[in-house]
Amino acid sequence: MRINQYVAQSTGLSRRAADGLIGKSQVSVNGVVAERGYQVQPGDQVSLNGQAVNPPDQLQTLLLNKPVGYVCSRDGQGSPTIYQLIPRQFLHLKPIGRLDKDSSGLILMTDDGQLANQLSHPKYAKNKVYRVKLNKPLSSNAQKQISHGVKLIDGPSQLQLKPLDSQGLTWQVTMHEGRNRQIRRTFVAVGVTVATLQRIQLADFNLEQLGNKTYLLV
């Protein structure tokens, strides 16, 4: 395991933050200042600012049904955060694939770096499925545009659409990417506003697994 991943799993920090600590010589292995890219071996003693750190004995993954109004970060900057919805023993877990404050639905939180990478890295192309309600019906022309790809400022956006009502207001949206507010921006590009957005599935995990619960350890 790379040293940044080891520190991240041990502390709940991001790998980027762990790299920052390593770069500042705050991480040592067996009493020697660690270098970026070091592969932690069995028996190695890793310390952060002189204090031993160890990953949890058992990796944990939590499914969470995020309500509207909550942000997916530790610092809500005045807004409630998803960390207020879960017990203290899970506060070290990190979200995979964030939802913006105005969206709801399935969030995965884990300390399993391998799982997080498999679910979030574009090369694995894991399905993300959403239920979206629009402010007005989506025309057939707009539907074709979205299905073939809409140009956004950060690149093309192509979504798979499935109607969930006969009025053209509610749609199931499937995508493989996860750019910031991508679904909302894609619909705006064809002249429609997303009224509500709920994630219902991420890879093999789905919202139905939670039932009426806010969170579930899987």
N, C-alpha and C. Protein backbone atom coordinates (compact mmCIF):
# COMPACT_ATOMS: atom_id res chain seq x y z
N MET A 1 0.84 -1.19 0.00
CA MET A 1 0.00 0.00 0.00
C MET A 1 0.89 1.25 0.00
N ARG A 2 0.58 2.21 -0.86
CA ARG A 2 1.36 3.44 -0.91
C ARG A 2 1.18 4.23 0.38
N ILE A 3 2.23 4.97 0.75
CA ILE A 3 2.23 5.66 2.03
C ILE A 3 1.10 6.68 2.15
N ASN A 4 0.74 7.35 1.06
CA ASN A 4 -0.35 8.33 1.16
C ASN A 4 -1.69 7.64 1.41
N GLN A 5 -1.89 6.48 0.80
CA GLN A 5 -3.12 5.72 1.04
C GLN A 5 -3.16 5.20 2.48
N TYR A 6 -2.02 4.75 2.97
CA TYR A 6 -1.94 4.24 4.34
C TYR A 6 -2.30 5.34 5.33
N VAL A 7 -1.73 6.51 5.15
CA VAL A 7 -2.02 7.63 6.06
C VAL A 7 -3.48 8.06 5.94
N ALA A 8 -4.00 8.08 4.70
CA ALA A 8 -5.39 8.48 4.49
C ALA A 8 -6.35 7.53 5.20
N GLN A 9 -6.11 6.23 5.05
CA GLN A 9 -6.99 5.25 5.69
C GLN A 9 -6.85 5.28 7.22
N SER A 10 -5.69 5.66 7.70
CA SER A 10 -5.45 5.68 9.14
C SER A 10 -6.04 6.90 9.82
N THR A 11 -6.18 7.98 9.08
CA THR A 11 -6.58 9.26 9.68
C THR A 11 -7.91 9.81 9.21
N GLY A 12 -8.43 9.28 8.09
CA GLY A 12 -9.67 9.85 7.52
C GLY A 12 -9.41 11.03 6.61
N LEU A 13 -8.13 11.39 6.42
CA LEU A 13 -7.79 12.47 5.52
C LEU A 13 -7.86 12.00 4.07
N SER A 14 -7.87 12.94 3.14
CA SER A 14 -7.81 12.59 1.73
C SER A 14 -6.37 12.23 1.38
N ARG A 15 -6.19 11.55 0.25
CA ARG A 15 -4.83 11.21 -0.18
C ARG A 15 -4.03 12.48 -0.48
N ARG A 16 -4.71 13.49 -1.01
CA ARG A 16 -4.02 14.75 -1.30
C ARG A 16 -3.51 15.39 -0.01
N ALA A 17 -4.36 15.37 1.02
CA ALA A 17 -3.93 15.92 2.31
C ALA A 17 -2.79 15.11 2.89
N ALA A 18 -2.86 13.78 2.72
CA ALA A 18 -1.78 12.92 3.20
C ALA A 18 -0.48 13.24 2.48
N ASP A 19 -0.57 13.47 1.17
CA ASP A 19 0.62 13.84 0.40
C ASP A 19 1.21 15.14 0.92
N GLY A 20 0.33 16.07 1.33
CA GLY A 20 0.80 17.33 1.88
C GLY A 20 1.60 17.12 3.16
N LEU A 21 1.11 16.23 4.00
CA LEU A 21 1.82 15.93 5.25
C LEU A 21 3.16 15.26 4.98
N ILE A 22 3.16 14.36 3.99
CA ILE A 22 4.41 13.68 3.62
C ILE A 22 5.41 14.69 3.08
N GLY A 23 4.93 15.61 2.26
CA GLY A 23 5.79 16.63 1.69
C GLY A 23 6.38 17.56 2.74
N LYS A 24 5.69 17.70 3.87
CA LYS A 24 6.17 18.55 4.96
C LYS A 24 7.00 17.77 5.98
N SER A 25 7.34 16.53 5.63
CA SER A 25 8.18 15.66 6.48
C SER A 25 7.53 15.36 7.82
N GLN A 26 6.18 15.31 7.83
CA GLN A 26 5.47 15.02 9.07
C GLN A 26 5.15 13.54 9.23
N VAL A 27 5.48 12.76 8.21
CA VAL A 27 5.22 11.32 8.24
C VAL A 27 6.55 10.58 8.21
N SER A 28 6.68 9.59 9.08
CA SER A 28 7.90 8.79 9.10
C SER A 28 7.55 7.31 9.09
N VAL A 29 8.49 6.53 8.60
CA VAL A 29 8.36 5.06 8.59
C VAL A 29 9.58 4.48 9.28
N ASN A 30 9.32 3.75 10.34
CA ASN A 30 10.41 3.15 11.13
C ASN A 30 11.43 4.20 11.57
N GLY A 31 10.90 5.38 11.92
CA GLY A 31 11.76 6.44 12.43
C GLY A 31 12.46 7.28 11.38
N VAL A 32 12.24 6.98 10.11
CA VAL A 32 12.86 7.72 9.01
C VAL A 32 11.79 8.49 8.26
N VAL A 33 12.07 9.75 7.93
CA VAL A 33 11.09 10.58 7.21
C VAL A 33 10.69 9.89 5.91
N ALA A 34 9.38 9.77 5.69
CA ALA A 34 8.87 9.05 4.53
C ALA A 34 8.93 9.90 3.27
N GLU A 35 9.11 9.24 2.15
CA GLU A 35 9.09 9.90 0.85
C GLU A 35 7.82 9.51 0.11
N ARG A 36 7.34 10.44 -0.73
CA ARG A 36 6.16 10.14 -1.53
C ARG A 36 6.40 8.90 -2.39
N GLY A 37 5.39 8.05 -2.48
CA GLY A 37 5.49 6.84 -3.30
C GLY A 37 6.00 5.63 -2.55
N TYR A 38 6.43 5.82 -1.31
CA TYR A 38 6.93 4.67 -0.54
C TYR A 38 5.82 3.63 -0.37
N GLN A 39 6.19 2.37 -0.54
CA GLN A 39 5.25 1.26 -0.37
C GLN A 39 5.40 0.71 1.05
N VAL A 40 4.35 0.85 1.83
CA VAL A 40 4.38 0.36 3.22
C VAL A 40 4.40 -1.16 3.22
N GLN A 41 5.34 -1.72 3.95
CA GLN A 41 5.49 -3.17 4.03
C GLN A 41 4.96 -3.69 5.37
N PRO A 42 4.57 -4.97 5.42
CA PRO A 42 4.15 -5.56 6.69
C PRO A 42 5.23 -5.38 7.75
N GLY A 43 4.83 -4.93 8.92
CA GLY A 43 5.79 -4.71 9.99
C GLY A 43 6.30 -3.29 10.08
N ASP A 44 6.07 -2.48 9.04
CA ASP A 44 6.49 -1.08 9.09
C ASP A 44 5.71 -0.33 10.17
N GLN A 45 6.38 0.57 10.85
CA GLN A 45 5.73 1.43 11.84
C GLN A 45 5.65 2.85 11.28
N VAL A 46 4.43 3.27 11.00
CA VAL A 46 4.21 4.57 10.40
C VAL A 46 3.76 5.56 11.48
N SER A 47 4.35 6.74 11.47
CA SER A 47 4.01 7.76 12.47
C SER A 47 3.68 9.08 11.79
N LEU A 48 2.76 9.81 12.41
CA LEU A 48 2.40 11.15 11.96
C LEU A 48 2.69 12.10 13.11
N ASN A 49 3.64 13.00 12.89
CA ASN A 49 4.07 13.93 13.95
C ASN A 49 4.45 13.19 15.23
N GLY A 50 5.09 12.04 15.03
CA GLY A 50 5.59 11.28 16.17
C GLY A 50 4.59 10.32 16.79
N GLN A 51 3.34 10.34 16.31
CA GLN A 51 2.30 9.46 16.84
C GLN A 51 2.03 8.32 15.86
N ALA A 52 2.06 7.09 16.34
CA ALA A 52 1.81 5.94 15.47
C ALA A 52 0.40 5.99 14.89
N VAL A 53 0.29 5.66 13.61
CA VAL A 53 -1.01 5.60 12.95
C VAL A 53 -1.16 4.24 12.28
N ASN A 54 -2.38 3.71 12.34
CA ASN A 54 -2.66 2.41 11.74
C ASN A 54 -4.04 2.42 11.11
N PRO A 55 -4.20 1.79 9.95
CA PRO A 55 -5.54 1.68 9.35
C PRO A 55 -6.44 0.86 10.25
N PRO A 56 -7.76 1.02 10.16
CA PRO A 56 -8.66 0.20 10.96
C PRO A 56 -8.51 -1.28 10.61
N ASP A 57 -8.74 -2.13 11.60
CA ASP A 57 -8.60 -3.57 11.38
C ASP A 57 -9.58 -4.08 10.34
N GLN A 58 -10.76 -3.48 10.28
CA GLN A 58 -11.78 -3.92 9.34
C GLN A 58 -12.31 -2.71 8.57
N LEU A 59 -12.23 -2.79 7.26
CA LEU A 59 -12.71 -1.69 6.42
C LEU A 59 -14.24 -1.62 6.50
N GLN A 60 -14.76 -0.42 6.43
CA GLN A 60 -16.21 -0.21 6.56
C GLN A 60 -16.75 0.60 5.39
N THR A 61 -17.95 0.23 4.96
CA THR A 61 -18.64 0.98 3.91
C THR A 61 -20.07 1.22 4.37
N LEU A 62 -20.48 2.46 4.27
CA LEU A 62 -21.79 2.89 4.75
C LEU A 62 -22.61 3.43 3.59
N LEU A 63 -23.86 3.00 3.49
CA LEU A 63 -24.79 3.61 2.55
C LEU A 63 -25.57 4.67 3.30
N LEU A 64 -25.73 5.83 2.67
CA LEU A 64 -26.41 6.96 3.31
C LEU A 64 -27.43 7.56 2.36
N ASN A 65 -28.62 7.85 2.88
CA ASN A 65 -29.65 8.54 2.10
C ASN A 65 -29.57 10.01 2.45
N LYS A 66 -28.89 10.78 1.61
CA LYS A 66 -28.68 12.20 1.90
C LYS A 66 -29.94 13.01 1.61
N PRO A 67 -30.40 13.80 2.58
CA PRO A 67 -31.53 14.69 2.31
C PRO A 67 -31.07 15.96 1.59
N VAL A 68 -32.00 16.65 0.99
CA VAL A 68 -31.71 17.96 0.41
C VAL A 68 -31.29 18.91 1.54
N GLY A 69 -30.35 19.78 1.26
CA GLY A 69 -29.92 20.76 2.24
C GLY A 69 -28.64 20.42 2.96
N TYR A 70 -28.15 19.19 2.80
CA TYR A 70 -26.91 18.76 3.44
C TYR A 70 -25.77 18.76 2.42
N VAL A 71 -24.58 19.09 2.88
CA VAL A 71 -23.41 19.10 2.00
C VAL A 71 -22.52 17.91 2.32
N CYS A 72 -21.76 17.46 1.31
CA CYS A 72 -20.92 16.26 1.45
C CYS A 72 -19.49 16.64 1.80
N SER A 73 -19.32 17.36 2.89
CA SER A 73 -17.99 17.75 3.35
C SER A 73 -18.02 17.82 4.87
N ARG A 74 -16.84 17.90 5.46
CA ARG A 74 -16.77 17.99 6.93
C ARG A 74 -17.09 19.39 7.41
N ASP A 75 -16.74 20.38 6.61
CA ASP A 75 -17.01 21.77 6.95
C ASP A 75 -18.15 22.28 6.07
N GLY A 76 -19.32 22.44 6.66
CA GLY A 76 -20.48 22.86 5.89
C GLY A 76 -20.53 24.35 5.62
N GLN A 77 -19.62 25.12 6.21
CA GLN A 77 -19.59 26.58 6.05
C GLN A 77 -20.99 27.18 6.28
N GLY A 78 -21.59 26.75 7.37
CA GLY A 78 -22.91 27.26 7.73
C GLY A 78 -24.06 26.34 7.39
N SER A 79 -23.82 25.34 6.55
CA SER A 79 -24.86 24.37 6.18
C SER A 79 -24.64 23.07 6.94
N PRO A 80 -25.71 22.31 7.20
CA PRO A 80 -25.52 21.00 7.84
C PRO A 80 -24.76 20.06 6.90
N THR A 81 -24.01 19.13 7.47
CA THR A 81 -23.22 18.20 6.66
C THR A 81 -23.70 16.77 6.89
N ILE A 82 -23.32 15.90 5.96
CA ILE A 82 -23.71 14.49 6.07
C ILE A 82 -23.13 13.84 7.31
N TYR A 83 -22.06 14.42 7.86
CA TYR A 83 -21.43 13.84 9.06
C TYR A 83 -22.30 14.03 10.31
N GLN A 84 -23.31 14.90 10.20
CA GLN A 84 -24.25 15.06 11.30
C GLN A 84 -25.35 14.00 11.27
N LEU A 85 -25.38 13.19 10.22
CA LEU A 85 -26.42 12.18 10.05
C LEU A 85 -25.99 10.79 10.50
N ILE A 86 -24.69 10.63 10.81
CA ILE A 86 -24.17 9.30 11.11
C ILE A 86 -23.55 9.27 12.50
N PRO A 87 -23.48 8.08 13.11
CA PRO A 87 -22.88 7.96 14.45
C PRO A 87 -21.39 8.31 14.45
N ARG A 88 -20.90 8.63 15.62
CA ARG A 88 -19.52 9.10 15.79
C ARG A 88 -18.50 8.08 15.28
N GLN A 89 -18.79 6.79 15.43
CA GLN A 89 -17.80 5.78 15.05
C GLN A 89 -17.57 5.70 13.54
N PHE A 90 -18.42 6.41 12.77
CA PHE A 90 -18.25 6.39 11.32
C PHE A 90 -17.73 7.72 10.76
N LEU A 91 -17.34 8.62 11.64
CA LEU A 91 -16.94 9.96 11.18
C LEU A 91 -15.64 9.96 10.38
N HIS A 92 -14.88 8.87 10.45
CA HIS A 92 -13.63 8.81 9.68
C HIS A 92 -13.87 8.41 8.22
N LEU A 93 -15.07 7.96 7.90
CA LEU A 93 -15.37 7.52 6.53
C LEU A 93 -15.47 8.72 5.59
N LYS A 94 -15.11 8.49 4.33
CA LYS A 94 -15.13 9.55 3.33
C LYS A 94 -16.13 9.22 2.23
N PRO A 95 -16.85 10.22 1.73
CA PRO A 95 -17.85 9.97 0.68
C PRO A 95 -17.23 9.65 -0.67
N ILE A 96 -17.90 8.78 -1.41
CA ILE A 96 -17.52 8.48 -2.80
C ILE A 96 -18.57 9.13 -3.70
N GLY A 97 -18.16 10.01 -4.55
CA GLY A 97 -19.11 10.63 -5.47
C GLY A 97 -20.08 11.54 -4.74
N ARG A 98 -19.78 12.79 -4.66
CA ARG A 98 -20.59 13.72 -3.87
C ARG A 98 -21.88 14.10 -4.58
N LEU A 99 -22.84 14.56 -3.80
CA LEU A 99 -24.07 15.17 -4.31
C LEU A 99 -24.09 16.61 -3.83
N ASP A 100 -24.57 17.52 -4.67
CA ASP A 100 -24.60 18.92 -4.25
C ASP A 100 -25.69 19.13 -3.20
N LYS A 101 -25.68 20.28 -2.60
CA LYS A 101 -26.58 20.60 -1.48
C LYS A 101 -28.04 20.45 -1.86
N ASP A 102 -28.40 20.75 -3.10
CA ASP A 102 -29.79 20.73 -3.53
C ASP A 102 -30.27 19.36 -3.99
N SER A 103 -29.38 18.38 -3.98
CA SER A 103 -29.72 17.03 -4.44
C SER A 103 -29.83 16.08 -3.25
N SER A 104 -30.49 14.95 -3.48
CA SER A 104 -30.67 13.95 -2.43
C SER A 104 -30.31 12.58 -2.96
N GLY A 105 -30.34 11.60 -2.05
CA GLY A 105 -30.17 10.22 -2.49
C GLY A 105 -28.93 9.53 -1.99
N LEU A 106 -28.51 8.53 -2.73
CA LEU A 106 -27.50 7.58 -2.28
C LEU A 106 -26.09 8.17 -2.25
N ILE A 107 -25.46 8.05 -1.09
CA ILE A 107 -24.05 8.39 -0.91
C ILE A 107 -23.37 7.17 -0.29
N LEU A 108 -22.21 6.80 -0.83
CA LEU A 108 -21.40 5.76 -0.20
C LEU A 108 -20.28 6.44 0.57
N MET A 109 -20.06 5.96 1.80
CA MET A 109 -18.97 6.47 2.63
C MET A 109 -18.12 5.27 3.04
N THR A 110 -16.80 5.37 2.89
CA THR A 110 -15.96 4.21 3.13
C THR A 110 -14.54 4.61 3.55
N ASP A 111 -13.82 3.67 4.16
CA ASP A 111 -12.39 3.81 4.39
C ASP A 111 -11.62 2.80 3.54
N ASP A 112 -12.32 2.18 2.59
CA ASP A 112 -11.73 1.22 1.67
C ASP A 112 -11.26 1.96 0.42
N GLY A 113 -9.96 2.27 0.38
CA GLY A 113 -9.42 3.04 -0.74
C GLY A 113 -9.57 2.35 -2.08
N GLN A 114 -9.45 1.02 -2.10
CA GLN A 114 -9.57 0.27 -3.35
C GLN A 114 -11.00 0.37 -3.88
N LEU A 115 -11.98 0.22 -3.00
CA LEU A 115 -13.38 0.33 -3.42
C LEU A 115 -13.66 1.74 -3.92
N ALA A 116 -13.17 2.73 -3.19
CA ALA A 116 -13.40 4.12 -3.59
C ALA A 116 -12.84 4.39 -4.98
N ASN A 117 -11.67 3.86 -5.26
CA ASN A 117 -11.05 4.06 -6.56
C ASN A 117 -11.85 3.37 -7.67
N GLN A 118 -12.31 2.15 -7.41
CA GLN A 118 -13.07 1.40 -8.40
C GLN A 118 -14.41 2.05 -8.72
N LEU A 119 -15.00 2.72 -7.73
CA LEU A 119 -16.31 3.33 -7.94
C LEU A 119 -16.23 4.74 -8.51
N SER A 120 -15.09 5.39 -8.33
CA SER A 120 -15.01 6.79 -8.73
C SER A 120 -14.13 7.06 -9.95
N HIS A 121 -13.16 6.18 -10.23
CA HIS A 121 -12.26 6.46 -11.34
C HIS A 121 -12.98 6.26 -12.68
N PRO A 122 -12.87 7.22 -13.59
CA PRO A 122 -13.58 7.13 -14.89
C PRO A 122 -13.28 5.86 -15.69
N LYS A 123 -12.08 5.30 -15.53
CA LYS A 123 -11.73 4.15 -16.35
C LYS A 123 -12.59 2.92 -16.06
N TYR A 124 -13.21 2.88 -14.87
CA TYR A 124 -14.06 1.74 -14.53
C TYR A 124 -15.50 1.93 -15.02
N ALA A 125 -15.87 3.14 -15.39
CA ALA A 125 -17.17 3.45 -16.00
C ALA A 125 -18.35 2.83 -15.25
N LYS A 126 -18.40 3.04 -13.93
CA LYS A 126 -19.50 2.51 -13.14
C LYS A 126 -20.76 3.35 -13.34
N ASN A 127 -21.89 2.67 -13.46
CA ASN A 127 -23.17 3.37 -13.65
C ASN A 127 -23.57 4.18 -12.42
N LYS A 128 -24.04 5.38 -12.68
CA LYS A 128 -24.68 6.20 -11.65
C LYS A 128 -26.07 6.52 -12.18
N VAL A 129 -27.08 6.20 -11.39
CA VAL A 129 -28.46 6.34 -11.85
C VAL A 129 -29.21 7.33 -10.97
N TYR A 130 -29.95 8.23 -11.61
CA TYR A 130 -30.66 9.30 -10.90
C TYR A 130 -32.12 9.35 -11.33
N ARG A 131 -32.96 9.86 -10.42
CA ARG A 131 -34.35 10.18 -10.75
C ARG A 131 -34.44 11.71 -10.76
N VAL A 132 -34.80 12.26 -11.91
CA VAL A 132 -34.79 13.70 -12.10
C VAL A 132 -36.19 14.19 -12.49
N LYS A 133 -36.62 15.26 -11.84
CA LYS A 133 -37.88 15.91 -12.21
C LYS A 133 -37.57 17.29 -12.74
N LEU A 134 -38.17 17.64 -13.89
CA LEU A 134 -37.89 18.89 -14.57
C LEU A 134 -38.98 19.92 -14.33
N ASN A 135 -38.66 21.18 -14.62
CA ASN A 135 -39.63 22.26 -14.43
C ASN A 135 -40.63 22.34 -15.57
N LYS A 136 -40.32 21.67 -16.68
CA LYS A 136 -41.24 21.61 -17.82
C LYS A 136 -40.91 20.38 -18.65
N PRO A 137 -41.84 19.93 -19.48
CA PRO A 137 -41.60 18.71 -20.26
C PRO A 137 -40.37 18.84 -21.16
N LEU A 138 -39.68 17.73 -21.32
CA LEU A 138 -38.51 17.68 -22.18
C LEU A 138 -38.96 17.33 -23.60
N SER A 139 -38.65 18.19 -24.53
CA SER A 139 -39.06 17.97 -25.92
C SER A 139 -38.27 16.81 -26.52
N SER A 140 -38.80 16.23 -27.58
CA SER A 140 -38.11 15.13 -28.24
C SER A 140 -36.77 15.59 -28.80
N ASN A 141 -36.71 16.83 -29.27
CA ASN A 141 -35.46 17.36 -29.80
C ASN A 141 -34.42 17.50 -28.70
N ALA A 142 -34.83 18.01 -27.53
CA ALA A 142 -33.91 18.16 -26.40
C ALA A 142 -33.45 16.79 -25.92
N GLN A 143 -34.35 15.81 -25.95
CA GLN A 143 -33.99 14.46 -25.55
C GLN A 143 -32.90 13.89 -26.46
N LYS A 144 -33.05 14.12 -27.75
CA LYS A 144 -32.05 13.64 -28.71
C LYS A 144 -30.70 14.32 -28.48
N GLN A 145 -30.75 15.63 -28.20
CA GLN A 145 -29.51 16.37 -27.95
C GLN A 145 -28.75 15.78 -26.76
N ILE A 146 -29.47 15.52 -25.68
CA ILE A 146 -28.83 15.00 -24.48
C ILE A 146 -28.31 13.58 -24.70
N SER A 147 -29.07 12.79 -25.43
CA SER A 147 -28.66 11.41 -25.69
C SER A 147 -27.43 11.33 -26.59
N HIS A 148 -27.29 12.30 -27.50
CA HIS A 148 -26.16 12.30 -28.42
C HIS A 148 -24.96 13.06 -27.85
N GLY A 149 -25.22 13.93 -26.88
CA GLY A 149 -24.13 14.68 -26.26
C GLY A 149 -24.31 16.18 -26.38
N VAL A 150 -24.25 16.86 -25.23
CA VAL A 150 -24.40 18.31 -25.17
C VAL A 150 -23.04 18.91 -24.82
N LYS A 151 -22.66 19.99 -25.49
CA LYS A 151 -21.39 20.65 -25.21
C LYS A 151 -21.50 21.52 -23.96
N LEU A 152 -20.65 21.25 -22.98
CA LEU A 152 -20.55 22.06 -21.78
C LEU A 152 -19.17 22.71 -21.74
N ILE A 153 -18.97 23.65 -20.86
CA ILE A 153 -17.71 24.38 -20.80
C ILE A 153 -16.53 23.47 -20.47
N ASP A 154 -16.80 22.36 -19.75
CA ASP A 154 -15.73 21.43 -19.38
C ASP A 154 -15.74 20.16 -20.21
N GLY A 155 -16.41 20.20 -21.38
CA GLY A 155 -16.42 19.05 -22.27
C GLY A 155 -17.82 18.55 -22.56
N PRO A 156 -17.96 17.61 -23.49
CA PRO A 156 -19.27 17.08 -23.85
C PRO A 156 -19.89 16.28 -22.72
N SER A 157 -21.22 16.28 -22.67
CA SER A 157 -21.95 15.53 -21.66
C SER A 157 -23.03 14.70 -22.35
N GLN A 158 -22.93 13.39 -22.19
CA GLN A 158 -23.88 12.46 -22.80
C GLN A 158 -24.56 11.65 -21.71
N LEU A 159 -25.89 11.72 -21.66
CA LEU A 159 -26.66 11.03 -20.63
C LEU A 159 -27.64 10.05 -21.28
N GLN A 160 -27.87 8.95 -20.59
CA GLN A 160 -28.89 8.01 -21.04
C GLN A 160 -30.20 8.35 -20.33
N LEU A 161 -31.26 8.51 -21.09
CA LEU A 161 -32.54 8.94 -20.54
C LEU A 161 -33.61 7.87 -20.70
N LYS A 162 -34.43 7.75 -19.66
CA LYS A 162 -35.58 6.84 -19.70
C LYS A 162 -36.76 7.56 -19.06
N PRO A 163 -37.87 7.75 -19.79
CA PRO A 163 -39.01 8.47 -19.22
C PRO A 163 -39.67 7.68 -18.10
N LEU A 164 -40.08 8.39 -17.04
CA LEU A 164 -40.75 7.75 -15.91
C LEU A 164 -42.19 8.21 -15.77
N ASP A 165 -42.63 9.09 -16.66
CA ASP A 165 -44.04 9.48 -16.70
C ASP A 165 -44.40 9.81 -18.14
N SER A 166 -45.67 10.03 -18.40
CA SER A 166 -46.12 10.30 -19.77
C SER A 166 -46.07 11.78 -20.12
N GLN A 167 -45.76 12.64 -19.14
CA GLN A 167 -45.73 14.08 -19.40
C GLN A 167 -44.35 14.59 -19.81
N GLY A 168 -43.33 13.75 -19.69
CA GLY A 168 -41.99 14.18 -20.03
C GLY A 168 -41.34 15.03 -18.96
N LEU A 169 -41.85 14.91 -17.72
CA LEU A 169 -41.33 15.71 -16.61
C LEU A 169 -40.33 14.94 -15.74
N THR A 170 -40.55 13.64 -15.60
CA THR A 170 -39.72 12.82 -14.72
C THR A 170 -38.94 11.80 -15.53
N TRP A 171 -37.63 11.75 -15.27
CA TRP A 171 -36.74 10.92 -16.08
C TRP A 171 -35.77 10.14 -15.20
N GLN A 172 -35.41 8.97 -15.68
CA GLN A 172 -34.29 8.23 -15.09
C GLN A 172 -33.07 8.58 -15.92
N VAL A 173 -32.02 9.03 -15.26
CA VAL A 173 -30.79 9.46 -15.95
C VAL A 173 -29.65 8.55 -15.52
N THR A 174 -28.96 7.99 -16.51
CA THR A 174 -27.82 7.12 -16.23
C THR A 174 -26.57 7.75 -16.83
N MET A 175 -25.49 7.76 -16.06
CA MET A 175 -24.24 8.34 -16.53
C MET A 175 -23.08 7.57 -15.95
N HIS A 176 -21.88 7.80 -16.51
CA HIS A 176 -20.67 7.15 -16.02
C HIS A 176 -19.70 8.14 -15.40
N GLU A 177 -19.90 9.42 -15.70
CA GLU A 177 -19.01 10.45 -15.18
C GLU A 177 -19.54 10.98 -13.85
N GLY A 178 -18.97 12.09 -13.40
CA GLY A 178 -19.43 12.68 -12.16
C GLY A 178 -18.92 14.10 -12.00
N ARG A 179 -18.95 14.86 -13.08
CA ARG A 179 -18.46 16.23 -13.01
C ARG A 179 -19.42 17.11 -12.20
N ASN A 180 -18.91 18.20 -11.68
CA ASN A 180 -19.68 19.08 -10.81
C ASN A 180 -20.98 19.54 -11.46
N ARG A 181 -22.11 19.18 -10.84
CA ARG A 181 -23.45 19.59 -11.27
C ARG A 181 -23.68 19.29 -12.77
N GLN A 182 -23.11 18.19 -13.23
CA GLN A 182 -23.16 17.87 -14.65
C GLN A 182 -24.58 17.68 -15.17
N ILE A 183 -25.40 16.95 -14.43
CA ILE A 183 -26.77 16.71 -14.89
C ILE A 183 -27.55 18.01 -14.98
N ARG A 184 -27.46 18.81 -13.95
CA ARG A 184 -28.18 20.09 -13.95
C ARG A 184 -27.73 20.98 -15.12
N ARG A 185 -26.42 21.05 -15.34
CA ARG A 185 -25.90 21.90 -16.40
C ARG A 185 -26.28 21.37 -17.78
N THR A 186 -26.37 20.05 -17.91
CA THR A 186 -26.74 19.46 -19.19
C THR A 186 -28.18 19.83 -19.57
N PHE A 187 -29.08 19.74 -18.61
CA PHE A 187 -30.48 20.10 -18.90
C PHE A 187 -30.62 21.60 -19.14
N VAL A 188 -29.89 22.41 -18.40
CA VAL A 188 -29.94 23.86 -18.62
C VAL A 188 -29.50 24.19 -20.05
N ALA A 189 -28.55 23.43 -20.58
CA ALA A 189 -28.02 23.67 -21.92
C ALA A 189 -29.09 23.48 -23.01
N VAL A 190 -30.14 22.72 -22.69
CA VAL A 190 -31.23 22.53 -23.67
C VAL A 190 -32.49 23.28 -23.24
N GLY A 191 -32.33 24.22 -22.29
CA GLY A 191 -33.43 25.11 -21.93
C GLY A 191 -34.39 24.59 -20.88
N VAL A 192 -33.94 23.61 -20.08
CA VAL A 192 -34.81 23.01 -19.05
C VAL A 192 -34.07 23.06 -17.71
N THR A 193 -34.83 23.25 -16.62
CA THR A 193 -34.24 23.31 -15.29
C THR A 193 -34.61 22.07 -14.49
N VAL A 194 -33.65 21.51 -13.77
CA VAL A 194 -33.90 20.37 -12.90
C VAL A 194 -34.53 20.88 -11.60
N ALA A 195 -35.73 20.41 -11.32
CA ALA A 195 -36.43 20.80 -10.09
C ALA A 195 -35.97 19.95 -8.90
N THR A 196 -35.89 18.64 -9.10
CA THR A 196 -35.40 17.74 -8.06
C THR A 196 -34.48 16.70 -8.69
N LEU A 197 -33.46 16.29 -7.93
CA LEU A 197 -32.50 15.29 -8.41
C LEU A 197 -32.18 14.35 -7.26
N GLN A 198 -32.37 13.08 -7.50
CA GLN A 198 -32.12 12.06 -6.48
C GLN A 198 -31.30 10.93 -7.08
N ARG A 199 -30.16 10.61 -6.46
CA ARG A 199 -29.39 9.46 -6.93
C ARG A 199 -29.98 8.19 -6.32
N ILE A 200 -30.26 7.23 -7.17
CA ILE A 200 -30.89 5.99 -6.71
C ILE A 200 -29.98 4.78 -6.82
N GLN A 201 -28.85 4.92 -7.54
CA GLN A 201 -27.96 3.77 -7.69
C GLN A 201 -26.54 4.23 -8.00
N LEU A 202 -25.57 3.52 -7.43
CA LEU A 202 -24.16 3.71 -7.74
C LEU A 202 -23.53 2.33 -7.86
N ALA A 203 -23.16 1.96 -9.09
CA ALA A 203 -22.64 0.62 -9.36
C ALA A 203 -23.66 -0.43 -8.89
N ASP A 204 -23.25 -1.34 -7.99
CA ASP A 204 -24.16 -2.39 -7.53
C ASP A 204 -24.93 -2.00 -6.27
N PHE A 205 -24.73 -0.80 -5.78
CA PHE A 205 -25.43 -0.32 -4.58
C PHE A 205 -26.63 0.53 -5.00
N ASN A 206 -27.75 0.36 -4.30
CA ASN A 206 -28.93 1.15 -4.65
C ASN A 206 -29.66 1.62 -3.40
N LEU A 207 -30.47 2.64 -3.59
CA LEU A 207 -31.16 3.29 -2.49
C LEU A 207 -32.15 2.36 -1.80
N GLU A 208 -32.70 1.41 -2.53
CA GLU A 208 -33.68 0.49 -1.96
C GLU A 208 -33.09 -0.36 -0.84
N GLN A 209 -31.78 -0.56 -0.86
CA GLN A 209 -31.14 -1.35 0.20
C GLN A 209 -31.33 -0.71 1.57
N LEU A 210 -31.52 0.60 1.60
CA LEU A 210 -31.66 1.32 2.86
C LEU A 210 -33.06 1.18 3.46
N GLY A 211 -34.05 0.91 2.62
CA GLY A 211 -35.42 0.89 3.12
C GLY A 211 -35.80 2.24 3.69
N ASN A 212 -36.24 2.27 4.94
CA ASN A 212 -36.60 3.54 5.61
C ASN A 212 -35.46 4.10 6.45
N LYS A 213 -34.29 3.47 6.39
CA LYS A 213 -33.17 3.91 7.21
C LYS A 213 -32.42 5.06 6.54
N THR A 214 -31.81 5.90 7.39
CA THR A 214 -30.97 6.98 6.87
C THR A 214 -29.61 6.45 6.44
N TYR A 215 -29.10 5.45 7.18
CA TYR A 215 -27.79 4.88 6.84
C TYR A 215 -27.81 3.37 7.09
N LEU A 216 -26.88 2.67 6.43
CA LEU A 216 -26.80 1.23 6.58
C LEU A 216 -25.36 0.80 6.35
N LEU A 217 -24.80 0.02 7.26
CA LEU A 217 -23.46 -0.53 7.12
C LEU A 217 -23.55 -1.79 6.27
N VAL A 218 -22.76 -1.84 5.20
CA VAL A 218 -22.83 -3.01 4.29
C VAL A 218 -21.52 -3.77 4.29
